[in-house]
């Protein structure tokens, strides 16, 4: 949708994609804006809690380990 096209939400960058795509987007963000912590939200009004849980689990399993030793 629109967030994927623009890459920006009302509160900052939006990362939507496969784990590999999200890793690449976060890597690029870290090159531009070095940081040690990221605050994110995966819930949207009306979103099925099972989908949110699935997304959180995928992020924890596939994306977070890539950044663990930074």
PDB file of N, CA and C in Angstrom:
ATOM      1  N   UNK A   1       0.790  -1.172   0.000  1.00  0.00           N
ATOM      2  CA  UNK A   1       0.000   0.000   0.000  1.00  0.00           C
ATOM      3  C   UNK A   1       0.850   1.261   0.000  1.00  0.00           C
ATOM      4  N   UNK A   2       0.240   2.310   0.439  1.00  0.00           N
ATOM      5  CA  UNK A   2       0.884   3.627   0.430  1.00  0.00           C
ATOM      6  C   UNK A   2       2.124   3.682   1.325  1.00  0.00           C
ATOM      7  N   UNK A   3       2.083   3.034   2.492  1.00  0.00           N
ATOM      8  CA  UNK A   3       3.247   3.078   3.374  1.00  0.00           C
ATOM      9  C   UNK A   3       4.446   2.402   2.729  1.00  0.00           C
ATOM     10  N   UNK A   4       4.205   1.307   2.027  1.00  0.00           N
ATOM     11  CA  UNK A   4       5.306   0.614   1.358  1.00  0.00           C
ATOM     12  C   UNK A   4       5.905   1.499   0.274  1.00  0.00           C
ATOM     13  N   UNK A   5       5.053   2.220  -0.450  1.00  0.00           N
ATOM     14  CA  UNK A   5       5.528   3.098  -1.528  1.00  0.00           C
ATOM     15  C   UNK A   5       6.364   4.248  -0.982  1.00  0.00           C
ATOM     16  N   UNK A   6       5.854   4.902   0.056  1.00  0.00           N
ATOM     17  CA  UNK A   6       6.534   6.098   0.561  1.00  0.00           C
ATOM     18  C   UNK A   6       7.689   5.765   1.496  1.00  0.00           C
ATOM     19  N   UNK A   7       7.571   4.652   2.218  1.00  0.00           N
ATOM     20  CA  UNK A   7       8.602   4.303   3.186  1.00  0.00           C
ATOM     21  C   UNK A   7       8.574   5.152   4.441  1.00  0.00           C
ATOM     22  N   UNK A   8       7.566   6.031   4.564  1.00  0.00           N
ATOM     23  CA  UNK A   8       7.453   6.894   5.737  1.00  0.00           C
ATOM     24  C   UNK A   8       6.035   6.823   6.278  1.00  0.00           C
ATOM     25  N   UNK A   9       5.945   6.740   7.579  1.00  0.00           N
ATOM     26  CA  UNK A   9       4.662   6.816   8.246  1.00  0.00           C
ATOM     27  C   UNK A   9       4.594   8.127   9.003  1.00  0.00           C
ATOM     28  N   UNK A  10       3.532   8.331   9.764  1.00  0.00           N
ATOM     29  CA  UNK A  10       3.402   9.593  10.490  1.00  0.00           C
ATOM     30  C   UNK A  10       4.462   9.773  11.583  1.00  0.00           C
ATOM     31  N   UNK A  11       5.101   8.684  12.019  1.00  0.00           N
ATOM     32  CA  UNK A  11       6.079   8.771  13.107  1.00  0.00           C
ATOM     33  C   UNK A  11       7.488   8.377  12.693  1.00  0.00           C
ATOM     34  N   UNK A  12       7.722   8.183  11.403  1.00  0.00           N
ATOM     35  CA  UNK A  12       9.066   7.829  10.955  1.00  0.00           C
ATOM     36  C   UNK A  12       9.052   6.778   9.871  1.00  0.00           C
ATOM     37  N   UNK A  13      10.205   6.135   9.653  1.00  0.00           N
ATOM     38  CA  UNK A  13      10.313   5.155   8.574  1.00  0.00           C
ATOM     39  C   UNK A  13       9.390   3.962   8.788  1.00  0.00           C
ATOM     40  N   UNK A  14       8.985   3.367   7.684  1.00  0.00           N
ATOM     41  CA  UNK A  14       8.163   2.158   7.701  1.00  0.00           C
ATOM     42  C   UNK A  14       8.937   1.078   6.963  1.00  0.00           C
ATOM     43  N   UNK A  15       9.077  -0.074   7.570  1.00  0.00           N
ATOM     44  CA  UNK A  15       9.789  -1.191   6.963  1.00  0.00           C
ATOM     45  C   UNK A  15       8.800  -2.328   6.738  1.00  0.00           C
ATOM     46  N   UNK A  16       8.482  -2.581   5.489  1.00  0.00           N
ATOM     47  CA  UNK A  16       7.537  -3.634   5.124  1.00  0.00           C
ATOM     48  C   UNK A  16       8.217  -4.513   4.095  1.00  0.00           C
ATOM     49  N   UNK A  17       8.245  -5.812   4.337  1.00  0.00           N
ATOM     50  CA  UNK A  17       8.841  -6.718   3.362  1.00  0.00           C
ATOM     51  C   UNK A  17       9.226  -8.036   3.992  1.00  0.00           C
ATOM     52  N   UNK A  18       9.976  -8.813   3.231  1.00  0.00           N
ATOM     53  CA  UNK A  18      10.495 -10.074   3.743  1.00  0.00           C
ATOM     54  C   UNK A  18      11.570  -9.770   4.783  1.00  0.00           C
ATOM     55  N   UNK A  19      11.944 -10.754   5.591  1.00  0.00           N
ATOM     56  CA  UNK A  19      13.028 -10.500   6.542  1.00  0.00           C
ATOM     57  C   UNK A  19      14.295  -9.963   5.866  1.00  0.00           C
ATOM     58  N   UNK A  20      14.676 -10.523   4.724  1.00  0.00           N
ATOM     59  CA  UNK A  20      15.870 -10.032   4.027  1.00  0.00           C
ATOM     60  C   UNK A  20      15.701  -8.588   3.562  1.00  0.00           C
ATOM     61  N   UNK A  21      14.516  -8.246   3.094  1.00  0.00           N
ATOM     62  CA  UNK A  21      14.264  -6.865   2.661  1.00  0.00           C
ATOM     63  C   UNK A  21      14.325  -5.903   3.840  1.00  0.00           C
ATOM     64  N   UNK A  22      13.748  -6.310   4.964  1.00  0.00           N
ATOM     65  CA  UNK A  22      13.757  -5.457   6.157  1.00  0.00           C
ATOM     66  C   UNK A  22      15.184  -5.288   6.675  1.00  0.00           C
ATOM     67  N   UNK A  23      15.972  -6.354   6.650  1.00  0.00           N
ATOM     68  CA  UNK A  23      17.378  -6.251   7.056  1.00  0.00           C
ATOM     69  C   UNK A  23      18.097  -5.234   6.184  1.00  0.00           C
ATOM     70  N   UNK A  24      17.901  -5.295   4.881  1.00  0.00           N
ATOM     71  CA  UNK A  24      18.555  -4.343   3.970  1.00  0.00           C
ATOM     72  C   UNK A  24      18.118  -2.910   4.253  1.00  0.00           C
ATOM     73  N   UNK A  25      16.817  -2.718   4.502  1.00  0.00           N
ATOM     74  CA  UNK A  25      16.320  -1.369   4.795  1.00  0.00           C
ATOM     75  C   UNK A  25      16.910  -0.840   6.097  1.00  0.00           C
ATOM     76  N   UNK A  26      16.961  -1.701   7.117  1.00  0.00           N
ATOM     77  CA  UNK A  26      17.531  -1.278   8.396  1.00  0.00           C
ATOM     78  C   UNK A  26      19.030  -1.014   8.274  1.00  0.00           C
ATOM     79  N   UNK A  27      19.733  -1.821   7.503  1.00  0.00           N
ATOM     80  CA  UNK A  27      21.165  -1.583   7.272  1.00  0.00           C
ATOM     81  C   UNK A  27      21.377  -0.202   6.654  1.00  0.00           C
ATOM     82  N   UNK A  28      20.563   0.128   5.667  1.00  0.00           N
ATOM     83  CA  UNK A  28      20.681   1.435   5.018  1.00  0.00           C
ATOM     84  C   UNK A  28      20.385   2.560   6.006  1.00  0.00           C
ATOM     85  N   UNK A  29      19.358   2.378   6.815  1.00  0.00           N
ATOM     86  CA  UNK A  29      19.011   3.386   7.828  1.00  0.00           C
ATOM     87  C   UNK A  29      20.166   3.581   8.808  1.00  0.00           C
ATOM     88  N   UNK A  30      20.800   2.487   9.209  1.00  0.00           N
ATOM     89  CA  UNK A  30      21.906   2.575  10.160  1.00  0.00           C
ATOM     90  C   UNK A  30      23.131   3.258   9.561  1.00  0.00           C
ATOM     91  N   UNK A  31      23.324   3.150   8.256  1.00  0.00           N
ATOM     92  CA  UNK A  31      24.429   3.863   7.606  1.00  0.00           C
ATOM     93  C   UNK A  31      24.197   5.367   7.675  1.00  0.00           C
ATOM     94  N   UNK A  32      22.949   5.763   7.491  1.00  0.00           N
ATOM     95  CA  UNK A  32      22.584   7.176   7.489  1.00  0.00           C
ATOM     96  C   UNK A  32      22.435   7.725   8.901  1.00  0.00           C
ATOM     97  N   UNK A  33      21.831   6.936   9.775  1.00  0.00           N
ATOM     98  CA  UNK A  33      21.522   7.365  11.142  1.00  0.00           C
ATOM     99  C   UNK A  33      21.980   6.302  12.134  1.00  0.00           C
ATOM    100  N   UNK A  34      23.257   6.294  12.507  1.00  0.00           N
ATOM    101  CA  UNK A  34      23.734   5.290  13.462  1.00  0.00           C
ATOM    102  C   UNK A  34      22.933   5.362  14.766  1.00  0.00           C
ATOM    103  N   UNK A  35      22.578   4.203  15.286  1.00  0.00           N
ATOM    104  CA  UNK A  35      21.798   4.144  16.525  1.00  0.00           C
ATOM    105  C   UNK A  35      22.079   2.831  17.232  1.00  0.00           C
ATOM    106  N   UNK A  36      21.742   2.783  18.494  1.00  0.00           N
ATOM    107  CA  UNK A  36      21.924   1.560  19.276  1.00  0.00           C
ATOM    108  C   UNK A  36      20.601   0.933  19.673  1.00  0.00           C
ATOM    109  N   UNK A  37      19.501   1.654  19.511  1.00  0.00           N
ATOM    110  CA  UNK A  37      18.188   1.131  19.873  1.00  0.00           C
ATOM    111  C   UNK A  37      17.169   1.545  18.827  1.00  0.00           C
ATOM    112  N   UNK A  38      16.184   0.686  18.641  1.00  0.00           N
ATOM    113  CA  UNK A  38      15.085   0.980  17.722  1.00  0.00           C
ATOM    114  C   UNK A  38      13.784   0.706  18.463  1.00  0.00           C
ATOM    115  N   UNK A  39      12.858   1.616  18.370  1.00  0.00           N
ATOM    116  CA  UNK A  39      11.524   1.432  18.931  1.00  0.00           C
ATOM    117  C   UNK A  39      10.583   1.249  17.754  1.00  0.00           C
ATOM    118  N   UNK A  40       9.800   0.195  17.784  1.00  0.00           N
ATOM    119  CA  UNK A  40       8.906  -0.039  16.665  1.00  0.00           C
ATOM    120  C   UNK A  40       7.550  -0.522  17.145  1.00  0.00           C
ATOM    121  N   UNK A  41       6.595  -0.450  16.254  1.00  0.00           N
ATOM    122  CA  UNK A  41       5.229  -0.886  16.536  1.00  0.00           C
ATOM    123  C   UNK A  41       4.738  -1.712  15.365  1.00  0.00           C
ATOM    124  N   UNK A  42       4.101  -2.812  15.656  1.00  0.00           N
ATOM    125  CA  UNK A  42       3.561  -3.661  14.595  1.00  0.00           C
ATOM    126  C   UNK A  42       2.047  -3.754  14.654  1.00  0.00           C
ATOM    127  N   UNK A  43       1.440  -3.021  15.545  1.00  0.00           N
ATOM    128  CA  UNK A  43      -0.015  -3.111  15.639  1.00  0.00           C
ATOM    129  C   UNK A  43      -0.668  -1.948  14.906  1.00  0.00           C
ATOM    130  N   UNK A  44      -1.708  -2.259  14.222  1.00  0.00           N
ATOM    131  CA  UNK A  44      -2.510  -1.250  13.528  1.00  0.00           C
ATOM    132  C   UNK A  44      -3.956  -1.455  13.939  1.00  0.00           C
ATOM    133  N   UNK A  45      -4.741  -0.392  13.985  1.00  0.00           N
ATOM    134  CA  UNK A  45      -6.147  -0.548  14.355  1.00  0.00           C
ATOM    135  C   UNK A  45      -6.826  -1.590  13.470  1.00  0.00           C
ATOM    136  N   UNK A  46      -7.494  -2.514  14.100  1.00  0.00           N
ATOM    137  CA  UNK A  46      -8.229  -3.543  13.370  1.00  0.00           C
ATOM    138  C   UNK A  46      -7.399  -4.736  12.941  1.00  0.00           C
ATOM    139  N   UNK A  47      -6.104  -4.716  13.230  1.00  0.00           N
ATOM    140  CA  UNK A  47      -5.238  -5.826  12.832  1.00  0.00           C
ATOM    141  C   UNK A  47      -5.511  -7.046  13.698  1.00  0.00           C
ATOM    142  N   UNK A  48      -5.594  -8.192  13.064  1.00  0.00           N
ATOM    143  CA  UNK A  48      -5.803  -9.450  13.777  1.00  0.00           C
ATOM    144  C   UNK A  48      -4.591  -9.705  14.680  1.00  0.00           C
ATOM    145  N   UNK A  49      -4.807  -9.889  15.981  1.00  0.00           N
ATOM    146  CA  UNK A  49      -3.679 -10.118  16.892  1.00  0.00           C
ATOM    147  C   UNK A  49      -2.802 -11.300  16.482  1.00  0.00           C
ATOM    148  N   UNK A  50      -3.382 -12.297  15.818  1.00  0.00           N
ATOM    149  CA  UNK A  50      -2.581 -13.443  15.365  1.00  0.00           C
ATOM    150  C   UNK A  50      -1.577 -13.023  14.296  1.00  0.00           C
ATOM    151  N   UNK A  51      -1.981 -12.095  13.432  1.00  0.00           N
ATOM    152  CA  UNK A  51      -1.063 -11.590  12.400  1.00  0.00           C
ATOM    153  C   UNK A  51       0.068 -10.793  13.037  1.00  0.00           C
ATOM    154  N   UNK A  52      -0.285  -9.983  14.032  1.00  0.00           N
ATOM    155  CA  UNK A  52       0.735  -9.195  14.721  1.00  0.00           C
ATOM    156  C   UNK A  52       1.733 -10.122  15.411  1.00  0.00           C
ATOM    157  N   UNK A  53       1.235 -11.138  16.074  1.00  0.00           N
ATOM    158  CA  UNK A  53       2.117 -12.095  16.763  1.00  0.00           C
ATOM    159  C   UNK A  53       3.030 -12.802  15.765  1.00  0.00           C
ATOM    160  N   UNK A  54       2.472 -13.205  14.646  1.00  0.00           N
ATOM    161  CA  UNK A  54       3.257 -13.872  13.606  1.00  0.00           C
ATOM    162  C   UNK A  54       4.366 -12.957  13.092  1.00  0.00           C
ATOM    163  N   UNK A  55       4.041 -11.683  12.879  1.00  0.00           N
ATOM    164  CA  UNK A  55       5.040 -10.715  12.409  1.00  0.00           C
ATOM    165  C   UNK A  55       6.132 -10.496  13.452  1.00  0.00           C
ATOM    166  N   UNK A  56       5.743 -10.390  14.714  1.00  0.00           N
ATOM    167  CA  UNK A  56       6.728 -10.220  15.790  1.00  0.00           C
ATOM    168  C   UNK A  56       7.659 -11.425  15.885  1.00  0.00           C
ATOM    169  N   UNK A  57       7.083 -12.623  15.780  1.00  0.00           N
ATOM    170  CA  UNK A  57       7.896 -13.835  15.850  1.00  0.00           C
ATOM    171  C   UNK A  57       8.870 -13.908  14.672  1.00  0.00           C
ATOM    172  N   UNK A  58       8.402 -13.558  13.480  1.00  0.00           N
ATOM    173  CA  UNK A  58       9.263 -13.569  12.299  1.00  0.00           C
ATOM    174  C   UNK A  58      10.395 -12.551  12.448  1.00  0.00           C
ATOM    175  N   UNK A  59      10.071 -11.361  12.945  1.00  0.00           N
ATOM    176  CA  UNK A  59      11.085 -10.326  13.171  1.00  0.00           C
ATOM    177  C   UNK A  59      12.129 -10.815  14.177  1.00  0.00           C
ATOM    178  N   UNK A  60      11.657 -11.408  15.272  1.00  0.00           N
ATOM    179  CA  UNK A  60      12.573 -11.892  16.313  1.00  0.00           C
ATOM    180  C   UNK A  60      13.461 -13.024  15.809  1.00  0.00           C
ATOM    181  N   UNK A  61      12.911 -13.890  15.008  1.00  0.00           N
ATOM    182  CA  UNK A  61      13.647 -15.065  14.531  1.00  0.00           C
ATOM    183  C   UNK A  61      14.590 -14.749  13.370  1.00  0.00           C
ATOM    184  N   UNK A  62      14.151 -13.905  12.440  1.00  0.00           N
ATOM    185  CA  UNK A  62      14.889 -13.711  11.192  1.00  0.00           C
ATOM    186  C   UNK A  62      15.648 -12.380  11.090  1.00  0.00           C
ATOM    187  N   UNK A  63      15.164 -11.337  11.751  1.00  0.00           N
ATOM    188  CA  UNK A  63      15.778 -10.011  11.585  1.00  0.00           C
ATOM    189  C   UNK A  63      16.684  -9.660  12.767  1.00  0.00           C
ATOM    190  N   UNK A  64      16.185  -9.790  13.974  1.00  0.00           N
ATOM    191  CA  UNK A  64      16.962  -9.386  15.151  1.00  0.00           C
ATOM    192  C   UNK A  64      18.334 -10.054  15.253  1.00  0.00           C
ATOM    193  N   UNK A  65      18.451 -11.350  14.979  1.00  0.00           N
ATOM    194  CA  UNK A  65      19.778 -11.971  15.102  1.00  0.00           C
ATOM    195  C   UNK A  65      20.844 -11.317  14.213  1.00  0.00           C
ATOM    196  N   UNK A  66      20.432 -10.762  13.098  1.00  0.00           N
ATOM    197  CA  UNK A  66      21.372 -10.108  12.194  1.00  0.00           C
ATOM    198  C   UNK A  66      22.053  -8.909  12.866  1.00  0.00           C
ATOM    199  N   UNK A  67      21.372  -8.271  13.795  1.00  0.00           N
ATOM    200  CA  UNK A  67      21.876  -7.052  14.437  1.00  0.00           C
ATOM    201  C   UNK A  67      22.351  -7.284  15.872  1.00  0.00           C
ATOM    202  N   UNK A  68      22.336  -8.501  16.330  1.00  0.00           N
ATOM    203  CA  UNK A  68      22.593  -8.813  17.737  1.00  0.00           C
ATOM    204  C   UNK A  68      23.959  -8.335  18.232  1.00  0.00           C
ATOM    205  N   UNK A  69      25.000  -8.488  17.474  1.00  0.00           N
ATOM    206  CA  UNK A  69      26.358  -8.185  17.961  1.00  0.00           C
ATOM    207  C   UNK A  69      26.864  -6.815  17.547  1.00  0.00           C
ATOM    208  N   UNK A  70      25.999  -5.861  17.436  1.00  0.00           N
ATOM    209  CA  UNK A  70      26.423  -4.509  17.046  1.00  0.00           C
ATOM    210  C   UNK A  70      26.694  -3.668  18.253  1.00  0.00           C
TER     211      UNK A  70
END
